[in-house]
């Protein structure tokens, strides 16, 4: 439904950034992109401006889903990142005034994108050659510019189909941010 609502020029095999705290909108966006063949790029909320700009430019991100906590970083990135055209705010808007959205960038709100996707739903589409990029996970940048680790559908398939011995009932807690491969 999220990808349906993004009928703004984001197409299959393109990269879409996600930057935010662990929350339901993060998961839904990630899985929706996967089902429609859009590659997600997870971005650490702790990146400084230089690293944020590097990831946007390196992955040529047209659209980034982000939290209110980091949206100013993406507003600032717009002048140095020509590919960035859309920001989708996840979570509550608070009492923030959004009159200062940078020129050339369209601000969308996650709940509105979700509703639009519900109203204009398309069939999920995912065709795989077995080596399709599913996500890029950027390193923390502790040794220089962040580097993108490529995760393919083959790697995910191995993870999903491996026989794990887990106690019953199985409960998983995620302590790391979703920008890691916790998902």
N, C-alpha and C. Protein backbone atom coordinates (compact mmCIF):
# COMPACT_ATOMS: atom_id res chain seq x y z
N UNK A 1 0.81 -1.19 0.00
CA UNK A 1 0.00 0.00 0.00
C UNK A 1 0.86 1.26 0.00
N UNK A 2 2.00 1.18 0.67
CA UNK A 2 2.89 2.33 0.69
C UNK A 2 3.42 2.60 -0.71
N UNK A 3 3.87 1.56 -1.40
CA UNK A 3 4.43 1.75 -2.74
C UNK A 3 3.34 2.21 -3.69
N UNK A 4 2.11 1.69 -3.53
CA UNK A 4 1.00 2.15 -4.36
C UNK A 4 0.81 3.66 -4.20
N UNK A 5 0.97 4.15 -2.99
CA UNK A 5 0.81 5.56 -2.71
C UNK A 5 1.97 6.41 -3.21
N UNK A 6 3.03 5.76 -3.65
CA UNK A 6 4.21 6.48 -4.14
C UNK A 6 4.26 6.54 -5.65
N UNK A 7 3.12 6.63 -6.27
CA UNK A 7 3.09 6.73 -7.73
C UNK A 7 3.57 8.12 -8.13
N UNK A 8 4.82 8.37 -7.80
CA UNK A 8 5.43 9.69 -8.00
C UNK A 8 6.71 9.55 -8.80
N UNK A 9 6.86 8.42 -9.44
CA UNK A 9 8.08 8.24 -10.22
C UNK A 9 9.05 7.26 -9.60
N UNK A 10 8.73 6.69 -8.44
CA UNK A 10 9.56 5.64 -7.87
C UNK A 10 9.16 4.35 -8.55
N UNK A 11 10.11 3.71 -9.20
CA UNK A 11 9.81 2.51 -9.97
C UNK A 11 10.63 1.33 -9.46
N UNK A 12 10.26 0.14 -9.93
CA UNK A 12 10.97 -1.06 -9.52
C UNK A 12 12.46 -0.95 -9.78
N UNK A 13 13.21 -1.53 -8.88
CA UNK A 13 14.68 -1.60 -8.89
C UNK A 13 15.33 -0.26 -8.53
N UNK A 14 14.53 0.78 -8.26
CA UNK A 14 15.09 2.03 -7.76
C UNK A 14 15.29 1.91 -6.26
N UNK A 15 16.10 2.82 -5.71
CA UNK A 15 16.43 2.82 -4.29
C UNK A 15 15.60 3.87 -3.55
N UNK A 16 15.06 3.47 -2.39
CA UNK A 16 14.30 4.35 -1.51
C UNK A 16 14.92 4.27 -0.13
N UNK A 17 15.23 5.42 0.48
CA UNK A 17 15.85 5.43 1.80
C UNK A 17 14.83 5.36 2.92
N UNK A 18 15.25 4.75 4.04
CA UNK A 18 14.45 4.72 5.25
C UNK A 18 15.36 5.10 6.41
N UNK A 19 14.97 6.13 7.16
CA UNK A 19 15.76 6.60 8.29
C UNK A 19 14.83 6.95 9.44
N UNK A 20 14.87 6.16 10.48
CA UNK A 20 14.01 6.45 11.62
C UNK A 20 14.20 5.44 12.73
N UNK A 21 13.57 5.72 13.82
CA UNK A 21 13.63 4.79 14.96
C UNK A 21 12.83 3.54 14.64
N UNK A 22 13.02 2.50 15.43
CA UNK A 22 12.27 1.26 15.24
C UNK A 22 10.79 1.54 15.46
N UNK A 23 10.00 1.33 14.43
CA UNK A 23 8.57 1.60 14.50
C UNK A 23 7.85 0.83 13.40
N UNK A 24 6.56 0.69 13.55
CA UNK A 24 5.75 -0.06 12.60
C UNK A 24 5.86 0.49 11.18
N UNK A 25 5.87 1.81 11.01
CA UNK A 25 5.96 2.41 9.68
C UNK A 25 7.25 1.99 8.96
N UNK A 26 8.32 1.83 9.73
CA UNK A 26 9.61 1.39 9.15
C UNK A 26 9.44 -0.01 8.53
N UNK A 27 8.87 -0.93 9.32
CA UNK A 27 8.67 -2.30 8.83
C UNK A 27 7.74 -2.33 7.62
N UNK A 28 6.61 -1.65 7.71
CA UNK A 28 5.64 -1.68 6.61
C UNK A 28 6.26 -1.13 5.33
N UNK A 29 6.99 -0.03 5.44
CA UNK A 29 7.65 0.56 4.27
C UNK A 29 8.66 -0.41 3.68
N UNK A 30 9.46 -1.02 4.52
CA UNK A 30 10.49 -1.97 4.07
C UNK A 30 9.86 -3.16 3.34
N UNK A 31 8.86 -3.77 3.95
CA UNK A 31 8.24 -4.95 3.34
C UNK A 31 7.45 -4.59 2.08
N UNK A 32 6.79 -3.45 2.07
CA UNK A 32 6.05 -3.02 0.88
C UNK A 32 7.00 -2.83 -0.29
N UNK A 33 8.12 -2.18 -0.02
CA UNK A 33 9.12 -1.99 -1.09
C UNK A 33 9.61 -3.33 -1.61
N UNK A 34 9.87 -4.26 -0.71
CA UNK A 34 10.33 -5.60 -1.11
C UNK A 34 9.30 -6.28 -2.02
N UNK A 35 8.03 -6.21 -1.66
CA UNK A 35 6.99 -6.87 -2.44
C UNK A 35 6.81 -6.27 -3.83
N UNK A 36 7.17 -5.01 -3.98
CA UNK A 36 7.00 -4.34 -5.26
C UNK A 36 8.31 -4.16 -6.02
N UNK A 37 9.38 -4.77 -5.52
CA UNK A 37 10.65 -4.72 -6.23
C UNK A 37 11.39 -3.40 -6.13
N UNK A 38 11.07 -2.60 -5.10
CA UNK A 38 11.80 -1.36 -4.84
C UNK A 38 12.87 -1.68 -3.78
N UNK A 39 14.09 -1.22 -4.00
CA UNK A 39 15.21 -1.54 -3.11
C UNK A 39 15.25 -0.53 -1.97
N UNK A 40 15.25 -1.01 -0.73
CA UNK A 40 15.35 -0.11 0.41
C UNK A 40 16.81 0.11 0.79
N UNK A 41 17.07 1.32 1.23
CA UNK A 41 18.40 1.70 1.70
C UNK A 41 18.22 2.17 3.13
N UNK A 42 18.72 1.39 4.08
CA UNK A 42 18.57 1.78 5.48
C UNK A 42 19.67 2.77 5.85
N UNK A 43 19.25 3.84 6.51
CA UNK A 43 20.16 4.94 6.85
C UNK A 43 20.15 5.13 8.36
N UNK A 44 21.31 5.15 8.97
CA UNK A 44 21.42 5.35 10.41
C UNK A 44 20.93 6.74 10.81
N UNK A 45 20.15 6.82 11.86
CA UNK A 45 19.69 8.11 12.37
C UNK A 45 20.85 8.91 12.96
N UNK A 46 21.93 8.24 13.30
CA UNK A 46 23.06 8.91 13.94
C UNK A 46 24.07 9.48 12.94
N UNK A 47 23.86 9.27 11.65
CA UNK A 47 24.77 9.84 10.66
C UNK A 47 24.82 11.35 10.77
N UNK A 48 26.00 11.91 10.60
CA UNK A 48 26.11 13.36 10.52
C UNK A 48 25.68 13.80 9.12
N UNK A 49 25.68 15.10 8.87
CA UNK A 49 25.21 15.63 7.59
C UNK A 49 26.03 15.10 6.42
N UNK A 50 27.35 15.06 6.59
CA UNK A 50 28.23 14.59 5.51
C UNK A 50 27.92 13.14 5.13
N UNK A 51 27.75 12.28 6.13
CA UNK A 51 27.45 10.87 5.85
C UNK A 51 26.07 10.69 5.25
N UNK A 52 25.10 11.47 5.75
CA UNK A 52 23.75 11.42 5.20
C UNK A 52 23.77 11.80 3.72
N UNK A 53 24.44 12.90 3.40
CA UNK A 53 24.54 13.33 2.00
C UNK A 53 25.26 12.28 1.16
N UNK A 54 26.29 11.67 1.71
CA UNK A 54 27.04 10.64 0.98
C UNK A 54 26.12 9.48 0.59
N UNK A 55 25.31 9.01 1.53
CA UNK A 55 24.42 7.88 1.25
C UNK A 55 23.38 8.27 0.20
N UNK A 56 22.78 9.44 0.34
CA UNK A 56 21.78 9.88 -0.64
C UNK A 56 22.39 9.95 -2.04
N UNK A 57 23.56 10.54 -2.15
CA UNK A 57 24.21 10.68 -3.46
C UNK A 57 24.73 9.34 -3.99
N UNK A 58 25.30 8.53 -3.11
CA UNK A 58 25.85 7.25 -3.54
C UNK A 58 24.77 6.32 -4.08
N UNK A 59 23.63 6.29 -3.40
CA UNK A 59 22.52 5.42 -3.83
C UNK A 59 21.55 6.14 -4.78
N UNK A 60 21.81 7.41 -5.05
CA UNK A 60 20.95 8.22 -5.91
C UNK A 60 19.48 8.14 -5.47
N UNK A 61 19.29 8.39 -4.18
CA UNK A 61 17.94 8.30 -3.61
C UNK A 61 17.06 9.43 -4.10
N UNK A 62 15.91 9.06 -4.60
CA UNK A 62 14.89 10.03 -5.03
C UNK A 62 13.93 10.31 -3.89
N UNK A 63 13.75 9.32 -3.02
CA UNK A 63 12.76 9.41 -1.95
C UNK A 63 13.36 8.83 -0.67
N UNK A 64 13.11 9.51 0.45
CA UNK A 64 13.54 9.02 1.77
C UNK A 64 12.35 9.11 2.72
N UNK A 65 12.08 8.01 3.41
CA UNK A 65 11.11 7.97 4.50
C UNK A 65 11.90 8.28 5.76
N UNK A 66 11.44 9.25 6.57
CA UNK A 66 12.21 9.61 7.76
C UNK A 66 11.30 10.07 8.88
N UNK A 67 11.88 10.13 10.09
CA UNK A 67 11.22 10.60 11.30
C UNK A 67 11.31 12.11 11.42
N UNK A 68 10.46 12.65 12.25
CA UNK A 68 10.51 14.07 12.58
C UNK A 68 11.86 14.43 13.20
N UNK A 69 12.44 13.51 13.97
CA UNK A 69 13.72 13.76 14.65
C UNK A 69 14.86 14.05 13.68
N UNK A 70 14.79 13.53 12.46
CA UNK A 70 15.90 13.69 11.52
C UNK A 70 15.52 14.46 10.25
N UNK A 71 14.30 14.93 10.17
CA UNK A 71 13.85 15.54 8.91
C UNK A 71 14.67 16.78 8.54
N UNK A 72 15.14 17.52 9.53
CA UNK A 72 15.94 18.71 9.22
C UNK A 72 17.24 18.34 8.50
N UNK A 73 17.78 17.17 8.82
CA UNK A 73 18.99 16.69 8.15
C UNK A 73 18.71 16.49 6.66
N UNK A 74 17.52 16.01 6.34
CA UNK A 74 17.16 15.78 4.94
C UNK A 74 16.78 17.07 4.23
N UNK A 75 16.18 18.01 4.96
CA UNK A 75 15.95 19.34 4.38
C UNK A 75 17.29 19.97 4.00
N UNK A 76 18.27 19.85 4.89
CA UNK A 76 19.60 20.42 4.63
C UNK A 76 20.30 19.69 3.49
N UNK A 77 20.04 18.41 3.34
CA UNK A 77 20.70 17.61 2.29
C UNK A 77 20.24 18.00 0.90
N UNK A 78 19.05 18.54 0.79
CA UNK A 78 18.44 18.80 -0.52
C UNK A 78 19.33 19.65 -1.42
N UNK A 79 20.02 20.62 -0.87
CA UNK A 79 20.84 21.50 -1.72
C UNK A 79 22.07 20.81 -2.29
N UNK A 80 22.54 19.75 -1.63
CA UNK A 80 23.74 19.04 -2.09
C UNK A 80 23.44 17.67 -2.70
N UNK A 81 22.17 17.32 -2.76
CA UNK A 81 21.77 16.00 -3.24
C UNK A 81 20.69 16.15 -4.32
N UNK A 82 21.10 16.33 -5.56
CA UNK A 82 20.15 16.63 -6.62
C UNK A 82 19.12 15.54 -6.91
N UNK A 83 19.41 14.29 -6.54
CA UNK A 83 18.45 13.22 -6.82
C UNK A 83 17.27 13.25 -5.85
N UNK A 84 17.43 13.86 -4.67
CA UNK A 84 16.40 13.84 -3.63
C UNK A 84 15.22 14.73 -4.01
N UNK A 85 14.07 14.10 -4.23
CA UNK A 85 12.87 14.83 -4.66
C UNK A 85 11.70 14.71 -3.68
N UNK A 86 11.67 13.64 -2.89
CA UNK A 86 10.54 13.38 -2.00
C UNK A 86 11.03 12.97 -0.62
N UNK A 87 10.38 13.53 0.40
CA UNK A 87 10.57 13.09 1.78
C UNK A 87 9.20 12.66 2.28
N UNK A 88 9.16 11.50 2.92
CA UNK A 88 7.91 11.01 3.49
C UNK A 88 8.12 10.95 5.00
N UNK A 89 7.37 11.73 5.73
CA UNK A 89 7.50 11.79 7.18
C UNK A 89 6.75 10.63 7.82
N UNK A 90 7.47 9.78 8.53
CA UNK A 90 6.87 8.67 9.27
C UNK A 90 6.55 9.16 10.68
N UNK A 91 5.50 8.62 11.25
CA UNK A 91 5.17 8.94 12.63
C UNK A 91 4.46 10.26 12.78
N UNK A 92 4.31 10.68 14.03
CA UNK A 92 3.55 11.91 14.29
C UNK A 92 4.24 13.16 13.77
N UNK A 93 3.43 14.11 13.37
CA UNK A 93 3.93 15.38 12.84
C UNK A 93 4.27 16.36 13.95
N UNK A 94 3.70 16.13 15.13
CA UNK A 94 3.89 17.07 16.22
C UNK A 94 3.28 18.41 15.87
N UNK A 95 3.79 19.46 16.46
CA UNK A 95 3.26 20.80 16.19
C UNK A 95 4.16 21.54 15.20
N UNK A 96 4.96 20.79 14.49
CA UNK A 96 5.95 21.34 13.57
C UNK A 96 5.28 22.05 12.39
N UNK A 97 5.82 23.18 12.01
CA UNK A 97 5.39 23.92 10.83
C UNK A 97 6.31 23.51 9.68
N UNK A 98 5.75 23.09 8.59
CA UNK A 98 6.54 22.60 7.46
C UNK A 98 6.54 23.59 6.29
N UNK A 99 6.53 24.87 6.58
CA UNK A 99 6.54 25.88 5.52
C UNK A 99 7.90 26.01 4.85
N UNK A 100 8.95 25.54 5.49
CA UNK A 100 10.31 25.75 4.97
C UNK A 100 10.87 24.52 4.24
N UNK A 101 10.01 23.79 3.55
CA UNK A 101 10.48 22.64 2.77
C UNK A 101 11.34 23.17 1.63
N UNK A 102 12.52 22.59 1.44
CA UNK A 102 13.43 23.10 0.39
C UNK A 102 12.80 23.05 -1.00
N UNK A 103 13.19 24.01 -1.83
CA UNK A 103 12.71 24.06 -3.20
C UNK A 103 13.15 22.78 -3.93
N UNK A 104 12.24 22.23 -4.70
CA UNK A 104 12.54 21.02 -5.46
C UNK A 104 12.25 19.74 -4.71
N UNK A 105 11.86 19.85 -3.43
CA UNK A 105 11.55 18.67 -2.61
C UNK A 105 10.07 18.72 -2.23
N UNK A 106 9.40 17.59 -2.37
CA UNK A 106 8.00 17.48 -1.97
C UNK A 106 7.93 16.70 -0.67
N UNK A 107 7.26 17.27 0.32
CA UNK A 107 7.07 16.60 1.60
C UNK A 107 5.73 15.90 1.60
N UNK A 108 5.76 14.60 1.88
CA UNK A 108 4.54 13.80 1.98
C UNK A 108 4.46 13.25 3.40
N UNK A 109 3.28 12.85 3.80
CA UNK A 109 3.09 12.30 5.13
C UNK A 109 2.69 10.83 5.01
N UNK A 110 3.34 9.98 5.82
CA UNK A 110 3.21 8.54 5.71
C UNK A 110 1.75 8.09 5.73
N UNK A 111 0.97 8.63 6.66
CA UNK A 111 -0.43 8.19 6.75
C UNK A 111 -1.21 8.53 5.49
N UNK A 112 -0.91 9.65 4.86
CA UNK A 112 -1.58 10.02 3.62
C UNK A 112 -1.13 9.14 2.45
N UNK A 113 0.15 8.83 2.40
CA UNK A 113 0.67 7.94 1.37
C UNK A 113 0.04 6.56 1.53
N UNK A 114 -0.08 6.09 2.77
CA UNK A 114 -0.69 4.79 3.06
C UNK A 114 -2.15 4.76 2.60
N UNK A 115 -2.90 5.81 2.93
CA UNK A 115 -4.32 5.87 2.53
C UNK A 115 -4.46 5.92 1.01
N UNK A 116 -3.59 6.68 0.35
CA UNK A 116 -3.64 6.74 -1.11
C UNK A 116 -3.36 5.36 -1.70
N UNK A 117 -2.42 4.66 -1.11
CA UNK A 117 -2.11 3.31 -1.56
C UNK A 117 -3.26 2.35 -1.38
N UNK A 118 -4.02 2.50 -0.30
CA UNK A 118 -5.20 1.67 -0.08
C UNK A 118 -6.25 1.94 -1.14
N UNK A 119 -6.42 3.19 -1.51
CA UNK A 119 -7.45 3.58 -2.48
C UNK A 119 -7.07 3.21 -3.91
N UNK A 120 -5.77 3.16 -4.19
CA UNK A 120 -5.29 2.92 -5.56
C UNK A 120 -4.36 1.71 -5.60
N UNK A 121 -4.75 0.65 -4.94
CA UNK A 121 -3.88 -0.52 -4.80
C UNK A 121 -3.57 -1.18 -6.13
N UNK A 122 -2.34 -1.63 -6.25
CA UNK A 122 -1.90 -2.42 -7.40
C UNK A 122 -1.44 -3.77 -6.88
N UNK A 123 -1.40 -4.74 -7.77
CA UNK A 123 -0.96 -6.07 -7.37
C UNK A 123 0.52 -6.06 -7.02
N UNK A 124 0.89 -6.73 -5.93
CA UNK A 124 2.32 -6.85 -5.63
C UNK A 124 3.03 -7.51 -6.80
N UNK A 125 4.23 -7.07 -7.02
CA UNK A 125 5.01 -7.62 -8.12
C UNK A 125 6.43 -7.82 -7.64
N UNK A 126 6.88 -9.02 -7.74
CA UNK A 126 8.28 -9.25 -7.44
C UNK A 126 8.74 -10.40 -8.29
N UNK A 127 9.57 -10.10 -9.25
CA UNK A 127 10.14 -11.13 -10.11
C UNK A 127 11.62 -11.18 -9.82
N UNK A 128 12.11 -12.36 -9.54
CA UNK A 128 13.50 -12.48 -9.12
C UNK A 128 14.29 -13.37 -10.04
N UNK A 129 15.50 -12.94 -10.30
CA UNK A 129 16.44 -13.78 -11.04
C UNK A 129 17.27 -14.59 -10.05
N UNK A 130 17.03 -14.35 -8.76
CA UNK A 130 17.81 -15.02 -7.73
C UNK A 130 19.00 -14.21 -7.26
N UNK A 131 19.23 -13.09 -7.93
CA UNK A 131 20.37 -12.26 -7.55
C UNK A 131 19.99 -10.78 -7.48
N UNK A 132 18.72 -10.53 -7.25
CA UNK A 132 18.24 -9.15 -7.18
C UNK A 132 18.63 -8.51 -5.86
N UNK A 133 19.01 -7.25 -5.92
CA UNK A 133 19.30 -6.50 -4.69
C UNK A 133 17.97 -6.22 -4.00
N UNK A 134 17.89 -6.55 -2.72
CA UNK A 134 16.69 -6.31 -1.93
C UNK A 134 16.88 -5.06 -1.07
N UNK A 135 18.08 -4.92 -0.52
CA UNK A 135 18.35 -3.78 0.34
C UNK A 135 19.84 -3.46 0.35
N UNK A 136 20.14 -2.22 0.62
CA UNK A 136 21.51 -1.79 0.89
C UNK A 136 21.55 -1.39 2.35
N UNK A 137 22.49 -1.94 3.07
CA UNK A 137 22.66 -1.58 4.48
C UNK A 137 24.00 -0.88 4.59
N UNK A 138 23.96 0.40 4.89
CA UNK A 138 25.19 1.17 4.99
C UNK A 138 25.85 0.99 6.34
N UNK A 139 27.17 0.86 6.31
CA UNK A 139 27.95 0.74 7.54
C UNK A 139 27.85 2.05 8.32
N UNK A 140 28.30 2.02 9.54
CA UNK A 140 28.20 3.20 10.40
C UNK A 140 29.13 4.33 10.00
N UNK A 141 30.10 4.04 9.16
CA UNK A 141 31.01 5.09 8.72
C UNK A 141 32.14 5.37 9.69
N UNK A 142 32.41 4.43 10.59
CA UNK A 142 33.44 4.66 11.60
C UNK A 142 34.86 4.70 11.01
N UNK A 143 35.03 4.18 9.80
CA UNK A 143 36.36 4.17 9.16
C UNK A 143 36.39 5.01 7.90
N UNK A 144 35.52 6.00 7.82
CA UNK A 144 35.44 6.84 6.62
C UNK A 144 33.99 6.94 6.19
N UNK A 145 33.79 7.21 4.91
CA UNK A 145 32.42 7.29 4.40
C UNK A 145 31.71 5.96 4.58
N UNK A 146 30.41 5.98 4.90
CA UNK A 146 29.66 4.74 5.00
C UNK A 146 29.71 3.96 3.68
N UNK A 147 29.76 2.65 3.80
CA UNK A 147 29.80 1.78 2.62
C UNK A 147 28.53 0.94 2.60
N UNK A 148 27.97 0.75 1.42
CA UNK A 148 26.73 -0.01 1.29
C UNK A 148 26.99 -1.49 1.12
N UNK A 149 26.45 -2.27 2.05
CA UNK A 149 26.51 -3.73 1.94
C UNK A 149 25.27 -4.19 1.17
N UNK A 150 25.50 -4.96 0.13
CA UNK A 150 24.40 -5.41 -0.74
C UNK A 150 23.81 -6.69 -0.17
N UNK A 151 22.50 -6.68 0.04
CA UNK A 151 21.78 -7.88 0.47
C UNK A 151 20.86 -8.28 -0.69
N UNK A 152 21.06 -9.49 -1.19
CA UNK A 152 20.25 -9.98 -2.31
C UNK A 152 19.12 -10.87 -1.82
N UNK A 153 18.18 -11.15 -2.71
CA UNK A 153 17.08 -12.03 -2.34
C UNK A 153 17.58 -13.45 -2.06
N UNK A 154 18.69 -13.84 -2.66
CA UNK A 154 19.25 -15.16 -2.38
C UNK A 154 19.70 -15.25 -0.93
N UNK A 155 20.34 -14.20 -0.44
CA UNK A 155 20.78 -14.18 0.96
C UNK A 155 19.57 -14.23 1.89
N UNK A 156 18.54 -13.45 1.59
CA UNK A 156 17.34 -13.47 2.43
C UNK A 156 16.66 -14.82 2.39
N UNK A 157 16.63 -15.45 1.21
CA UNK A 157 16.00 -16.76 1.09
C UNK A 157 16.70 -17.78 1.99
N UNK A 158 18.00 -17.74 2.03
CA UNK A 158 18.75 -18.65 2.91
C UNK A 158 18.38 -18.38 4.37
N UNK A 159 18.31 -17.10 4.73
CA UNK A 159 17.93 -16.76 6.10
C UNK A 159 16.52 -17.26 6.44
N UNK A 160 15.58 -17.09 5.52
CA UNK A 160 14.19 -17.46 5.79
C UNK A 160 13.97 -18.97 5.79
N UNK A 161 14.76 -19.70 5.04
CA UNK A 161 14.52 -21.14 4.92
C UNK A 161 15.47 -21.98 5.75
N UNK A 162 16.41 -21.36 6.44
CA UNK A 162 17.34 -22.11 7.28
C UNK A 162 16.61 -22.66 8.49
N UNK A 163 17.07 -23.81 8.93
CA UNK A 163 16.47 -24.45 10.10
C UNK A 163 17.17 -23.91 11.35
N UNK A 164 16.47 -23.06 12.06
CA UNK A 164 17.01 -22.50 13.29
C UNK A 164 16.43 -23.26 14.47
N UNK A 165 17.26 -23.58 15.41
CA UNK A 165 16.78 -24.21 16.63
C UNK A 165 16.48 -23.10 17.63
N UNK A 166 15.22 -22.87 17.85
CA UNK A 166 14.81 -21.83 18.77
C UNK A 166 13.86 -22.42 19.79
N UNK A 167 13.97 -21.98 21.02
CA UNK A 167 13.06 -22.50 22.04
C UNK A 167 11.62 -22.07 21.75
N UNK A 168 10.69 -22.86 22.19
CA UNK A 168 9.27 -22.54 22.03
C UNK A 168 8.75 -21.93 23.31
N UNK A 169 7.96 -20.93 23.31
CA UNK A 169 7.63 -20.13 22.16
C UNK A 169 8.80 -19.22 21.81
N UNK A 170 8.92 -18.93 20.53
CA UNK A 170 10.02 -18.11 20.03
C UNK A 170 9.64 -16.64 20.15
N UNK A 171 10.45 -15.89 20.84
CA UNK A 171 10.24 -14.45 20.99
C UNK A 171 11.53 -13.75 20.58
N UNK A 172 11.42 -12.74 19.78
CA UNK A 172 12.61 -12.01 19.33
C UNK A 172 12.50 -10.56 19.77
N UNK A 173 13.57 -10.07 20.38
CA UNK A 173 13.64 -8.67 20.76
C UNK A 173 14.70 -8.01 19.90
N UNK A 174 14.42 -6.84 19.42
CA UNK A 174 15.37 -6.11 18.60
C UNK A 174 15.91 -4.94 19.40
N UNK A 175 17.21 -5.00 19.71
CA UNK A 175 17.84 -3.91 20.44
C UNK A 175 18.56 -2.96 19.49
N UNK A 176 18.98 -3.48 18.37
CA UNK A 176 19.69 -2.65 17.40
C UNK A 176 18.69 -1.88 16.55
N UNK A 177 19.12 -0.76 15.99
CA UNK A 177 18.23 -0.03 15.09
C UNK A 177 17.97 -0.83 13.81
N UNK A 178 16.84 -0.58 13.19
CA UNK A 178 16.49 -1.31 11.98
C UNK A 178 17.42 -1.00 10.82
N UNK A 179 18.23 0.05 10.93
CA UNK A 179 19.22 0.33 9.90
C UNK A 179 20.28 -0.76 9.84
N UNK A 180 20.36 -1.58 10.89
CA UNK A 180 21.19 -2.78 10.86
C UNK A 180 20.36 -3.87 10.18
N UNK A 181 20.88 -5.02 10.06
CA UNK A 181 20.14 -6.09 9.37
C UNK A 181 19.22 -6.85 10.32
N UNK A 182 18.74 -6.20 11.36
CA UNK A 182 17.85 -6.85 12.33
C UNK A 182 16.52 -7.29 11.74
N UNK A 183 16.17 -6.70 10.63
CA UNK A 183 14.87 -7.02 10.07
C UNK A 183 14.94 -8.27 9.25
